[in-house]
Amino acid sequence: MGDEAKKPIGVFDSGIGGLTVVRELVERLPNEEIVYFGDTARLPYGTKSPETVLRFSRQNLSFLKEKNVKLIVVACNTASSIALSTLVEEEEMPVVGVLLPGARAAASATRNGRVGVIGTTVPIRSGAYEAALREIQPGIEIWSLPCPLFVPLAEEGWLDNEITYLTAKSYLEPLASFGADVLVLGCTHYPLLTDVIGRVVGEDVTLVDSARETAVEVERILAERGLANPGDARGEIHVYVSDVPYLIREVGERFLGRPIERIERVSFQ
């Protein structure tokens, strides 16, 4: 498995929010090389049909396979809720989504069997988190809500100001009356807003970061399959996008938590 273990981890998202997953991967697996692809030319995936999301996901996966990766992370909640099961069936290499690790962690963390889930519109309305949680723990009670305004706030860098706090308060106040003791951050943008979300829901509510839990899952799979990179050198991060929108480097570095040396543009014919 030596040569196989030295291959990079592939990660794709509809945009650059998935760099929060890369951030967690780097934290847990600092010597792993990572190839990231953000489909910035075709976002958001949430407005597309399931057939289109699956087609885009297959193309993204094929691009990463050309980079000779050993495992692929679908760091997009929309693609995870719509396309992941098909990709897992079609691929021999491990394919990990962001949805199931978060659901597992939430089911494990709840003490009263009441869990809140927030995310963007399509993953929430698809019921994918609810289905995953109930498969793990059938009697669980779930409160779910789309919080789309958190995405532009995170991208703008408004992580803990008055506007962000009032937005979070407006979205999340009903969680208290439901009585959830766990809240799943079901969007790759939301970890940037952990402080303000935590302030609104209170310290008695455990926040589950799907990005962090996905990195834990990747670490486990690599160890089980003997695919963890045995080297001790710091792994490189290669960032590819399908378009280079305004301020992409600034926003991407905010999500990654470190400078991005190079962003390369690729296009699908």
Protein backbone atom coordinates (compact mmCIF):
# COMPACT_ATOMS: atom_id res chain seq x y z
CA MET A 1 0.00 0.00 0.00
CA GLY A 2 3.07 2.30 0.18
CA ASP A 3 2.68 4.07 -3.18
CA GLU A 4 -1.10 4.13 -2.84
CA ALA A 5 -0.82 5.82 0.57
CA LYS A 6 1.28 8.64 -0.90
CA LYS A 7 -1.51 9.66 -3.29
CA PRO A 8 -3.50 12.81 -2.46
CA ILE A 9 -7.00 13.14 -1.04
CA GLY A 10 -9.51 14.65 -3.49
CA VAL A 11 -12.20 17.09 -2.34
CA PHE A 12 -14.91 18.79 -4.39
CA ASP A 13 -17.66 21.30 -3.73
CA SER A 14 -19.95 23.48 -5.79
CA GLY A 15 -17.89 26.47 -4.67
CA ILE A 16 -15.19 27.28 -2.15
CA GLY A 17 -17.12 26.58 1.07
CA GLY A 18 -15.67 23.07 1.05
CA LEU A 19 -12.31 24.58 1.97
CA THR A 20 -13.58 24.41 5.57
CA VAL A 21 -13.46 20.62 5.12
CA VAL A 22 -9.90 20.93 3.75
CA ARG A 23 -9.05 23.05 6.80
CA GLU A 24 -10.18 20.24 9.11
CA LEU A 25 -8.40 17.60 7.03
CA VAL A 26 -5.16 19.57 7.30
CA GLU A 27 -5.68 19.87 11.07
CA ARG A 28 -6.08 16.10 11.51
CA LEU A 29 -3.90 14.86 8.66
CA PRO A 30 -1.19 17.51 8.14
CA ASN A 31 1.05 15.29 6.01
CA GLU A 32 -1.65 14.43 3.45
CA GLU A 33 -1.57 16.13 0.05
CA ILE A 34 -4.99 17.49 -0.94
CA VAL A 35 -6.44 18.33 -4.36
CA TYR A 36 -9.50 20.59 -4.13
CA PHE A 37 -11.94 21.41 -6.91
CA GLY A 38 -14.58 24.12 -6.56
CA ASP A 39 -17.17 24.27 -9.35
CA THR A 40 -17.51 28.03 -9.09
CA ALA A 41 -18.73 28.45 -12.68
CA ARG A 42 -21.86 26.37 -12.06
CA LEU A 43 -22.84 27.15 -8.49
CA PRO A 44 -25.21 27.05 -6.72
CA TYR A 45 -26.08 23.36 -7.06
CA GLY A 46 -29.21 23.94 -4.98
CA THR A 47 -31.08 25.46 -7.91
CA LYS A 48 -30.29 22.55 -10.25
CA SER A 49 -32.28 19.38 -10.92
CA PRO A 50 -31.12 16.12 -9.27
CA GLU A 51 -30.04 14.82 -12.69
CA THR A 52 -27.85 17.88 -13.23
CA VAL A 53 -26.33 17.69 -9.74
CA LEU A 54 -25.44 14.04 -10.38
CA ARG A 55 -23.91 14.87 -13.78
CA PHE A 56 -21.83 17.72 -12.32
CA SER A 57 -20.75 15.50 -9.42
CA ARG A 58 -19.61 12.75 -11.79
CA GLN A 59 -17.59 15.29 -13.78
CA ASN A 60 -16.00 16.69 -10.61
CA LEU A 61 -15.14 13.19 -9.43
CA SER A 62 -13.61 12.31 -12.81
CA PHE A 63 -11.43 15.41 -12.66
CA LEU A 64 -10.11 14.40 -9.24
CA LYS A 65 -9.49 10.83 -10.39
CA GLU A 66 -7.30 12.26 -13.17
CA LYS A 67 -5.22 13.76 -10.34
CA ASN A 68 -4.60 10.21 -9.08
CA VAL A 69 -6.32 10.60 -5.72
CA LYS A 70 -6.87 7.75 -3.24
CA LEU A 71 -10.13 8.94 -1.64
CA ILE A 72 -12.73 11.54 -2.59
CA VAL A 73 -14.69 13.81 -0.25
CA VAL A 74 -17.96 15.26 -1.55
CA ALA A 75 -17.74 18.49 0.46
CA CYS A 76 -21.09 19.76 -0.78
CA ASN A 77 -24.27 19.13 1.19
CA THR A 78 -26.47 19.32 -1.93
CA ALA A 79 -24.33 16.79 -3.81
CA SER A 80 -24.07 14.63 -0.68
CA SER A 81 -27.86 14.53 -0.30
CA ILE A 82 -28.57 13.90 -4.00
CA ALA A 83 -25.59 12.20 -5.68
CA LEU A 84 -23.49 10.51 -3.01
CA SER A 85 -25.24 7.12 -2.91
CA THR A 86 -24.87 6.75 -6.68
CA LEU A 87 -21.20 7.79 -6.63
CA VAL A 88 -20.45 5.29 -3.86
CA GLU A 89 -22.05 2.50 -5.92
CA GLU A 90 -20.15 3.48 -9.07
CA GLU A 91 -16.68 3.93 -7.58
CA GLU A 92 -14.16 1.43 -6.24
CA MET A 93 -12.22 4.02 -4.25
CA PRO A 94 -13.71 5.40 -1.01
CA VAL A 95 -16.15 8.29 -1.51
CA VAL A 96 -17.16 10.20 1.63
CA GLY A 97 -19.91 12.82 1.95
CA VAL A 98 -20.35 15.51 4.60
CA LEU A 99 -23.85 14.48 5.61
CA LEU A 100 -23.52 11.07 7.25
CA PRO A 101 -20.54 11.89 9.52
CA GLY A 102 -22.46 14.88 10.91
CA ALA A 103 -25.59 12.78 11.45
CA ARG A 104 -23.60 10.08 13.27
CA ALA A 105 -21.94 12.62 15.54
CA ALA A 106 -25.28 14.29 16.34
CA ALA A 107 -26.98 11.00 17.18
CA SER A 108 -24.07 10.11 19.44
CA ALA A 109 -23.99 13.52 21.18
CA THR A 110 -27.68 14.02 21.99
CA ARG A 111 -28.78 13.22 25.53
CA ASN A 112 -32.50 13.95 25.15
CA GLY A 113 -33.06 12.63 21.62
CA ARG A 114 -33.82 16.06 20.13
CA VAL A 115 -31.56 17.36 17.38
CA GLY A 116 -31.63 20.55 15.34
CA VAL A 117 -30.25 20.69 11.79
CA ILE A 118 -29.53 23.84 9.79
CA GLY A 119 -28.25 24.06 6.24
CA THR A 120 -29.00 25.47 2.82
CA THR A 121 -32.42 24.98 1.28
CA VAL A 122 -32.05 21.83 -0.84
CA PRO A 123 -30.32 19.54 1.68
CA ILE A 124 -32.82 20.58 4.37
CA ARG A 125 -35.92 20.20 2.19
CA SER A 126 -34.66 16.88 0.82
CA GLY A 127 -34.95 15.38 4.30
CA ALA A 128 -31.56 13.70 3.85
CA TYR A 129 -30.33 14.58 7.34
CA GLU A 130 -33.60 13.42 8.90
CA ALA A 131 -33.40 10.12 7.03
CA ALA A 132 -29.79 9.56 8.10
CA LEU A 133 -30.49 10.45 11.74
CA ARG A 134 -33.56 8.21 11.94
CA GLU A 135 -31.69 5.30 10.40
CA ILE A 136 -29.06 5.65 13.13
CA GLN A 137 -31.54 6.35 15.94
CA PRO A 138 -35.17 5.62 14.93
CA GLY A 139 -36.92 7.49 17.77
CA ILE A 140 -34.99 10.73 17.39
CA GLU A 141 -36.90 14.03 17.16
CA ILE A 142 -35.61 16.54 14.59
CA TRP A 143 -36.06 20.28 14.07
CA SER A 144 -34.63 21.43 10.75
CA LEU A 145 -34.43 24.83 9.10
CA PRO A 146 -32.81 26.27 5.98
CA CYS A 147 -30.62 29.30 6.83
CA PRO A 148 -29.54 30.57 3.41
CA LEU A 149 -28.44 34.03 4.58
CA PHE A 150 -25.57 32.50 6.56
CA VAL A 151 -23.77 31.75 3.27
CA PRO A 152 -23.29 35.35 2.03
CA LEU A 153 -22.51 36.52 5.57
CA ALA A 154 -19.69 33.96 5.83
CA GLU A 155 -18.36 34.83 2.39
CA GLU A 156 -18.45 38.55 3.23
CA GLY A 157 -16.44 37.90 6.38
CA TRP A 158 -19.21 39.18 8.65
CA LEU A 159 -18.59 36.43 11.16
CA ASP A 160 -19.68 38.00 14.42
CA ASN A 161 -21.17 41.46 13.96
CA GLU A 162 -24.62 42.86 14.81
CA ILE A 163 -26.21 41.91 11.48
CA THR A 164 -24.95 38.32 11.71
CA TYR A 165 -26.09 38.03 15.34
CA LEU A 166 -29.60 39.31 14.57
CA THR A 167 -29.85 36.98 11.56
CA ALA A 168 -28.81 34.01 13.69
CA LYS A 169 -31.23 35.05 16.45
CA SER A 170 -34.11 35.30 13.96
CA TYR A 171 -33.35 31.86 12.50
CA LEU A 172 -32.51 30.00 15.69
CA GLU A 173 -34.77 31.30 18.46
CA PRO A 174 -37.39 28.55 17.79
CA LEU A 175 -34.74 25.93 18.59
CA ALA A 176 -35.05 26.73 22.31
CA SER A 177 -38.76 25.89 22.47
CA PHE A 178 -38.11 22.63 20.59
CA GLY A 179 -35.56 21.71 23.25
CA ALA A 180 -32.75 20.33 21.07
CA ASP A 181 -29.49 19.75 22.88
CA VAL A 182 -27.52 19.29 19.64
CA LEU A 183 -27.39 21.46 16.51
CA VAL A 184 -25.85 20.17 13.27
CA LEU A 185 -24.10 22.81 11.15
CA GLY A 186 -25.12 21.20 7.87
CA CYS A 187 -23.35 23.54 5.45
CA THR A 188 -19.64 23.96 4.83
CA HIS A 189 -19.94 27.75 5.29
CA TYR A 190 -21.41 27.55 8.78
CA PRO A 191 -18.28 26.59 10.78
CA LEU A 192 -17.07 30.16 10.25
CA LEU A 193 -20.14 31.34 12.18
CA THR A 194 -19.70 28.96 15.11
CA ASP A 195 -19.10 31.75 17.67
CA VAL A 196 -22.23 33.73 16.87
CA ILE A 197 -24.41 30.61 16.46
CA GLY A 198 -23.14 29.30 19.79
CA ARG A 199 -23.93 32.62 21.45
CA VAL A 200 -27.52 32.49 20.18
CA VAL A 201 -28.32 28.86 21.04
CA GLY A 202 -26.46 28.84 24.36
CA GLU A 203 -23.79 26.64 25.92
CA ASP A 204 -26.22 23.79 26.66
CA VAL A 205 -26.55 23.06 22.94
CA THR A 206 -23.68 21.06 21.41
CA LEU A 207 -22.70 22.26 17.93
CA VAL A 208 -21.80 19.49 15.48
CA ASP A 209 -19.47 20.68 12.73
CA SER A 210 -20.01 18.43 9.68
CA ALA A 211 -16.66 19.52 8.24
CA ARG A 212 -14.80 18.37 11.36
CA GLU A 213 -16.74 15.10 11.56
CA THR A 214 -16.01 14.41 7.88
CA ALA A 215 -12.28 14.80 8.55
CA VAL A 216 -12.61 12.33 11.43
CA GLU A 217 -14.33 9.87 9.07
CA VAL A 218 -11.60 10.29 6.42
CA GLU A 219 -8.91 9.68 9.04
CA ARG A 220 -10.68 6.49 10.13
CA ILE A 221 -11.06 5.15 6.56
CA LEU A 222 -7.42 5.86 5.68
CA ALA A 223 -6.24 4.06 8.82
CA GLU A 224 -8.55 1.06 8.21
CA ARG A 225 -7.40 0.65 4.62
CA GLY A 226 -3.72 1.30 5.23
CA LEU A 227 -3.89 4.45 3.08
CA ALA A 228 -2.61 7.03 5.57
CA ASN A 229 0.48 8.81 4.25
CA PRO A 230 3.42 7.55 6.34
CA GLY A 231 5.58 10.58 5.55
CA ASP A 232 6.09 13.45 7.99
CA ALA A 233 6.42 16.33 5.51
CA ARG A 234 3.60 18.90 5.43
CA GLY A 235 1.23 18.02 2.59
CA GLU A 236 0.57 20.50 -0.20
CA ILE A 237 -2.89 21.86 -1.06
CA HIS A 238 -3.76 22.28 -4.74
CA VAL A 239 -6.82 24.42 -5.46
CA TYR A 240 -8.67 24.23 -8.79
CA VAL A 241 -11.83 26.10 -9.77
CA SER A 242 -14.03 26.22 -12.86
CA ASP A 243 -14.18 30.04 -12.75
CA VAL A 244 -12.23 32.75 -10.95
CA PRO A 245 -14.84 35.12 -9.54
CA TYR A 246 -14.04 38.43 -7.85
CA LEU A 247 -12.29 38.11 -4.46
CA ILE A 248 -12.05 34.31 -4.72
CA ARG A 249 -8.60 34.23 -3.16
CA GLU A 250 -9.62 36.45 -0.23
CA VAL A 251 -12.78 34.44 0.48
CA GLY A 252 -11.01 31.11 -0.08
CA GLU A 253 -8.27 31.99 2.39
CA ARG A 254 -10.92 32.93 4.95
CA PHE A 255 -12.43 29.46 4.63
CA LEU A 256 -9.09 27.63 4.56
CA GLY A 257 -7.61 29.66 7.39
CA ARG A 258 -4.25 30.11 5.64
CA PRO A 259 -2.83 31.64 2.44
CA ILE A 260 -3.58 29.92 -0.87
CA GLU A 261 -0.42 29.96 -2.93
CA ARG A 262 -2.05 29.21 -6.27
CA ILE A 263 -5.56 28.87 -7.72
CA GLU A 264 -5.80 27.21 -11.12
CA ARG A 265 -8.77 27.43 -13.45
CA VAL A 266 -10.01 24.37 -15.32
CA SER A 267 -13.00 23.94 -17.62
CA PHE A 268 -15.11 20.97 -18.66
CA GLN A 269 -15.97 20.61 -22.32
